Every structure is written in C-alpha cells, then in structure tokens.
PDB file of N, CA and C in Angstrom:
ATOM      1  N   MET A   1      78.072 101.890 120.815  1.00  0.00           N
ATOM      2  CA  MET A   1      76.868 100.686 120.751  1.00  0.00           C
ATOM      3  C   MET A   1      76.675 100.383 122.345  1.00  0.00           C
ATOM      4  N   HIS A   2      75.704  99.881 122.559  1.00  0.00           N
ATOM      5  CA  HIS A   2      74.951  99.260 123.915  1.00  0.00           C
ATOM      6  C   HIS A   2      74.394  98.374 123.750  1.00  0.00           C
ATOM      7  N   GLU A   3      73.972  97.188 124.872  1.00  0.00           N
ATOM      8  CA  GLU A   3      72.851  96.688 125.082  1.00  0.00           C
ATOM      9  C   GLU A   3      72.457  96.766 126.249  1.00  0.00           C
ATOM     10  N   ALA A   4      71.285  97.034 126.386  1.00  0.00           N
ATOM     11  CA  ALA A   4      71.092  97.176 127.958  1.00  0.00           C
ATOM     12  C   ALA A   4      69.622  96.933 128.009  1.00  0.00           C
ATOM     13  N   VAL A   5      68.595  96.960 128.806  1.00  0.00           N
ATOM     14  CA  VAL A   5      67.350  96.677 129.386  1.00  0.00           C
ATOM     15  C   VAL A   5      67.337  98.233 130.426  1.00  0.00           C
ATOM     16  N   VAL A   6      66.392  99.165 129.744  1.00  0.00           N
ATOM     17  CA  VAL A   6      66.143 100.418 130.436  1.00  0.00           C
ATOM     18  C   VAL A   6      65.092 100.121 130.673  1.00  0.00           C
ATOM     19  N   PRO A   7      64.334 100.550 131.937  1.00  0.00           N
ATOM     20  CA  PRO A   7      63.342 100.636 132.840  1.00  0.00           C
ATOM     21  C   PRO A   7      62.470 101.775 132.432  1.00  0.00           C
ATOM     22  N   ASP A   8      63.249 103.160 132.330  1.00  0.00           N
ATOM     23  CA  ASP A   8      62.612 104.271 132.151  1.00  0.00           C
ATOM     24  C   ASP A   8      62.634 104.866 130.873  1.00  0.00           C
ATOM     25  N   ALA A   9      61.765 105.708 130.635  1.00  0.00           N
ATOM     26  CA  ALA A   9      62.233 106.468 129.223  1.00  0.00           C
ATOM     27  C   ALA A   9      63.807 107.501 129.151  1.00  0.00           C
ATOM     28  N   VAL A  10      64.108 106.987 127.953  1.00  0.00           N
ATOM     29  CA  VAL A  10      65.331 107.740 127.535  1.00  0.00           C
ATOM     30  C   VAL A  10      65.074 109.174 126.732  1.00  0.00           C
ATOM     31  N   VAL A  11      65.857 110.234 127.486  1.00  0.00           N
ATOM     32  CA  VAL A  11      65.400 111.672 126.963  1.00  0.00           C
ATOM     33  C   VAL A  11      66.589 112.309 126.835  1.00  0.00           C
ATOM     34  N   PRO A  12      67.017 111.982 125.514  1.00  0.00           N
ATOM     35  CA  PRO A  12      68.368 112.956 125.085  1.00  0.00           C
ATOM     36  C   PRO A  12      68.392 114.383 125.110  1.00  0.00           C
ATOM     37  N   ASP A  13      69.364 114.881 125.165  1.00  0.00           N
ATOM     38  CA  ASP A  13      69.801 116.164 125.243  1.00  0.00           C
ATOM     39  C   ASP A  13      70.097 116.703 123.910  1.00  0.00           C
ATOM     40  N   PRO A  14      68.728 117.654 123.343  1.00  0.00           N
ATOM     41  CA  PRO A  14      68.551 117.869 122.217  1.00  0.00           C
ATOM     42  C   PRO A  14      70.020 118.395 121.473  1.00  0.00           C
ATOM     43  N   ASP A  15      70.385 119.242 122.465  1.00  0.00           N
ATOM     44  CA  ASP A  15      71.684 120.268 121.795  1.00  0.00           C
ATOM     45  C   ASP A  15      72.793 119.507 122.039  1.00  0.00           C
ATOM     46  N   GLU A  16      72.658 117.970 121.930  1.00  0.00           N
ATOM     47  CA  GLU A  16      74.096 116.905 121.918  1.00  0.00           C
ATOM     48  C   GLU A  16      73.511 115.979 120.825  1.00  0.00           C
ATOM     49  N   VAL A  17      71.928 115.346 120.871  1.00  0.00           N
ATOM     50  CA  VAL A  17      71.391 114.465 120.070  1.00  0.00           C
ATOM     51  C   VAL A  17      70.939 115.205 118.952  1.00  0.00           C
ATOM     52  N   ALA A  18      70.940 114.642 117.898  1.00  0.00           N
ATOM     53  CA  ALA A  18      70.156 115.365 116.486  1.00  0.00           C
ATOM     54  C   ALA A  18      68.904 114.426 116.331  1.00  0.00           C
ATOM     55  N   TRP A  19      69.279 113.014 116.441  1.00  0.00           N
ATOM     56  CA  TRP A  19      68.057 112.063 116.099  1.00  0.00           C
ATOM     57  C   TRP A  19      68.522 111.030 117.379  1.00  0.00           C
ATOM     58  N   HIS A  20      67.317 110.057 117.869  1.00  0.00           N
ATOM     59  CA  HIS A  20      67.884 108.801 118.356  1.00  0.00           C
ATOM     60  C   HIS A  20      66.782 107.897 118.381  1.00  0.00           C
ATOM     61  N   GLY A  21      67.036 106.774 118.774  1.00  0.00           N
ATOM     62  CA  GLY A  21      65.875 105.794 118.382  1.00  0.00           C
ATOM     63  C   GLY A  21      66.864 104.263 118.623  1.00  0.00           C
ATOM     64  N   TRP A  22      65.310 103.630 118.601  1.00  0.00           N
ATOM     65  CA  TRP A  22      65.907 102.030 118.904  1.00  0.00           C
ATOM     66  C   TRP A  22      65.962 101.312 117.578  1.00  0.00           C
ATOM     67  N   LEU A  23      67.369 100.465 117.414  1.00  0.00           N
ATOM     68  CA  LEU A  23      67.086  99.574 116.210  1.00  0.00           C
ATOM     69  C   LEU A  23      67.280  98.160 116.726  1.00  0.00           C
ATOM     70  N   THR A  24      66.520  97.091 115.694  1.00  0.00           N
ATOM     71  CA  THR A  24      67.231  96.449 116.153  1.00  0.00           C
ATOM     72  C   THR A  24      68.263  95.999 115.231  1.00  0.00           C
ATOM     73  N   GLU A  25      69.324  94.792 115.182  1.00  0.00           N
ATOM     74  CA  GLU A  25      70.663  94.518 114.770  1.00  0.00           C
ATOM     75  C   GLU A  25      70.359  94.870 113.324  1.00  0.00           C
ATOM     76  N   PRO A  26      69.363  93.942 112.369  1.00  0.00           N
ATOM     77  CA  PRO A  26      69.138  94.085 111.291  1.00  0.00           C
ATOM     78  C   PRO A  26      68.676  95.573 110.824  1.00  0.00           C
ATOM     79  N   GLU A  27      67.917  96.479 111.597  1.00  0.00           N
ATOM     80  CA  GLU A  27      67.946  97.262 111.076  1.00  0.00           C
ATOM     81  C   GLU A  27      69.291  98.391 111.003  1.00  0.00           C
ATOM     82  N   LEU A  28      69.918  98.325 112.170  1.00  0.00           N
ATOM     83  CA  LEU A  28      71.102  98.849 112.199  1.00  0.00           C
ATOM     84  C   LEU A  28      72.187  98.309 111.049  1.00  0.00           C
ATOM     85  N   ARG A  29      72.421  97.028 110.773  1.00  0.00           N
ATOM     86  CA  ARG A  29      73.242  97.016 109.459  1.00  0.00           C
ATOM     87  C   ARG A  29      72.944  97.757 108.169  1.00  0.00           C
ATOM     88  N   SER A  30      71.527  97.407 108.142  1.00  0.00           N
ATOM     89  CA  SER A  30      70.993  98.503 107.067  1.00  0.00           C
ATOM     90  C   SER A  30      71.048  99.952 107.003  1.00  0.00           C
ATOM     91  N   ALA A  31      70.867 100.148 108.256  1.00  0.00           N
ATOM     92  CA  ALA A  31      71.627 101.868 108.206  1.00  0.00           C
ATOM     93  C   ALA A  31      72.825 102.090 107.967  1.00  0.00           C
ATOM     94  N   LEU A  32      73.558 101.345 108.759  1.00  0.00           N
ATOM     95  CA  LEU A  32      75.348 101.713 108.262  1.00  0.00           C
ATOM     96  C   LEU A  32      75.368 101.603 106.772  1.00  0.00           C
ATOM     97  N   LEU A  33      74.633 100.746 106.221  1.00  0.00           N
ATOM     98  CA  LEU A  33      74.848 101.275 104.687  1.00  0.00           C
ATOM     99  C   LEU A  33      74.341 102.390 104.033  1.00  0.00           C
ATOM    100  N   GLU A  34      72.993 103.024 104.722  1.00  0.00           N
ATOM    101  CA  GLU A  34      72.386 104.118 104.137  1.00  0.00           C
ATOM    102  C   GLU A  34      72.446 105.625 104.830  1.00  0.00           C
ATOM    103  N   TRP A  35      72.748 105.572 105.919  1.00  0.00           N
ATOM    104  CA  TRP A  35      73.015 106.566 106.916  1.00  0.00           C
ATOM    105  C   TRP A  35      74.390 107.022 107.131  1.00  0.00           C
ATOM    106  N   ARG A  36      74.534 108.471 107.267  1.00  0.00           N
ATOM    107  CA  ARG A  36      76.112 108.990 107.808  1.00  0.00           C
ATOM    108  C   ARG A  36      76.352 108.615 109.135  1.00  0.00           C
ATOM    109  N   PHE A  37      77.588 107.910 109.741  1.00  0.00           N
ATOM    110  CA  PHE A  37      78.076 107.555 110.991  1.00  0.00           C
ATOM    111  C   PHE A  37      79.076 108.037 111.612  1.00  0.00           C
ATOM    112  N   THR A  38      79.487 108.162 112.369  1.00  0.00           N
ATOM    113  CA  THR A  38      81.075 108.909 112.651  1.00  0.00           C
ATOM    114  C   THR A  38      81.704 107.483 112.350  1.00  0.00           C
ATOM    115  N   PRO A  39      82.707 107.616 112.257  1.00  0.00           N
ATOM    116  CA  PRO A  39      83.973 106.523 112.063  1.00  0.00           C
ATOM    117  C   PRO A  39      83.842 105.648 113.606  1.00  0.00           C
ATOM    118  N   ASP A  40      83.739 106.365 114.431  1.00  0.00           N
ATOM    119  CA  ASP A  40      83.932 105.621 116.057  1.00  0.00           C
ATOM    120  C   ASP A  40      82.787 104.826 116.259  1.00  0.00           C
ATOM    121  N   SER A  41      81.576 105.132 115.771  1.00  0.00           N
ATOM    122  CA  SER A  41      80.109 104.282 115.569  1.00  0.00           C
ATOM    123  C   SER A  41      80.301 103.123 115.244  1.00  0.00           C
ATOM    124  N   ARG A  42      80.914 102.954 113.913  1.00  0.00           N
ATOM    125  CA  ARG A  42      80.974 101.896 113.167  1.00  0.00           C
ATOM    126  C   ARG A  42      82.037 100.826 113.759  1.00  0.00           C
ATOM    127  N   GLU A  43      83.079 101.977 114.262  1.00  0.00           N
ATOM    128  CA  GLU A  43      84.466 100.953 115.184  1.00  0.00           C
ATOM    129  C   GLU A  43      83.211 100.474 116.213  1.00  0.00           C
ATOM    130  N   ALA A  44      82.963 100.894 117.109  1.00  0.00           N
ATOM    131  CA  ALA A  44      82.147 100.581 118.318  1.00  0.00           C
ATOM    132  C   ALA A  44      81.474  99.280 117.626  1.00  0.00           C
ATOM    133  N   PHE A  45      80.295  99.450 116.774  1.00  0.00           N
ATOM    134  CA  PHE A  45      79.430  98.143 116.395  1.00  0.00           C
ATOM    135  C   PHE A  45      80.365  97.088 115.875  1.00  0.00           C
ATOM    136  N   SER A  46      81.632  97.405 115.241  1.00  0.00           N
ATOM    137  CA  SER A  46      82.071  96.284 114.996  1.00  0.00           C
ATOM    138  C   SER A  46      82.767  95.610 116.136  1.00  0.00           C
ATOM    139  N   ARG A  47      83.364  95.869 116.881  1.00  0.00           N
ATOM    140  CA  ARG A  47      83.796  95.697 118.247  1.00  0.00           C
ATOM    141  C   ARG A  47      82.810  95.044 118.965  1.00  0.00           C
ATOM    142  N   TYR A  48      81.484  95.472 118.893  1.00  0.00           N
ATOM    143  CA  TYR A  48      80.241  94.877 119.805  1.00  0.00           C
ATOM    144  C   TYR A  48      80.147  93.319 119.026  1.00  0.00           C
ATOM    145  N   LEU A  49      80.042  93.597 117.966  1.00  0.00           N
ATOM    146  CA  LEU A  49      79.847  91.965 117.162  1.00  0.00           C
ATOM    147  C   LEU A  49      80.781  91.144 117.345  1.00  0.00           C
ATOM    148  N   ALA A  50      81.944  91.552 117.522  1.00  0.00           N
ATOM    149  CA  ALA A  50      82.964  90.408 117.640  1.00  0.00           C
ATOM    150  C   ALA A  50      83.245  89.935 118.758  1.00  0.00           C
ATOM    151  N   PHE A  51      82.956  90.954 120.070  1.00  0.00           N
ATOM    152  CA  PHE A  51      82.737  90.580 121.149  1.00  0.00           C
ATOM    153  C   PHE A  51      81.435  89.474 121.377  1.00  0.00           C
ATOM    154  N   ARG A  52      80.457  90.311 121.316  1.00  0.00           N
ATOM    155  CA  ARG A  52      79.229  88.695 121.203  1.00  0.00           C
ATOM    156  C   ARG A  52      79.507  87.758 120.487  1.00  0.00           C
ATOM    157  N   THR A  53      80.020  87.580 119.389  1.00  0.00           N
ATOM    158  CA  THR A  53      80.242  86.081 118.714  1.00  0.00           C
ATOM    159  C   THR A  53      81.578  85.593 119.084  1.00  0.00           C
ATOM    160  N   ALA A  54      82.670  86.232 120.051  1.00  0.00           N
ATOM    161  CA  ALA A  54      83.900  85.554 120.670  1.00  0.00           C
ATOM    162  C   ALA A  54      83.119  84.408 121.311  1.00  0.00           C
ATOM    163  N   PRO A  55      84.184  83.295 121.288  1.00  0.00           N
ATOM    164  CA  PRO A  55      83.944  81.795 122.180  1.00  0.00           C
ATOM    165  C   PRO A  55      84.304  82.233 123.730  1.00  0.00           C
ATOM    166  N   SER A  56      83.452  81.824 124.344  1.00  0.00           N
ATOM    167  CA  SER A  56      83.909  82.104 125.759  1.00  0.00           C
ATOM    168  C   SER A  56      85.305  81.870 126.528  1.00  0.00           C
TER     169      SER A  56
END
C-alpha cells in the first residue's frame, strides 16, 4: 500500500500485474472482503492504517 501523488500515468508491466486501479479507502476495505488478496497485501494495509492513525 502506498499513498502518493503521481504526476504521470502509471503503466504496470502486464507480465507482472493482472489488474491495477486506484481505490479509495472505503473501496479498498470493501474489496478486501470480496476479492482475493495476498496475505502480505492485507498486512501492508493493516500497517498503513496503524501508522496513519498513530499519535505523532
């Protein structure tokens, strides 16, 4: 999971990525319940949420 501002188009390598797209946080939360994700992707999102909501 990454949070970034990207000035140019992102073009993934089709040999490495089956699908790509931009999701809002609510869309991603919903997708995690419906789509197949690798365990490390779920872990990355959990860590992102923990980092984002941690006190400074």
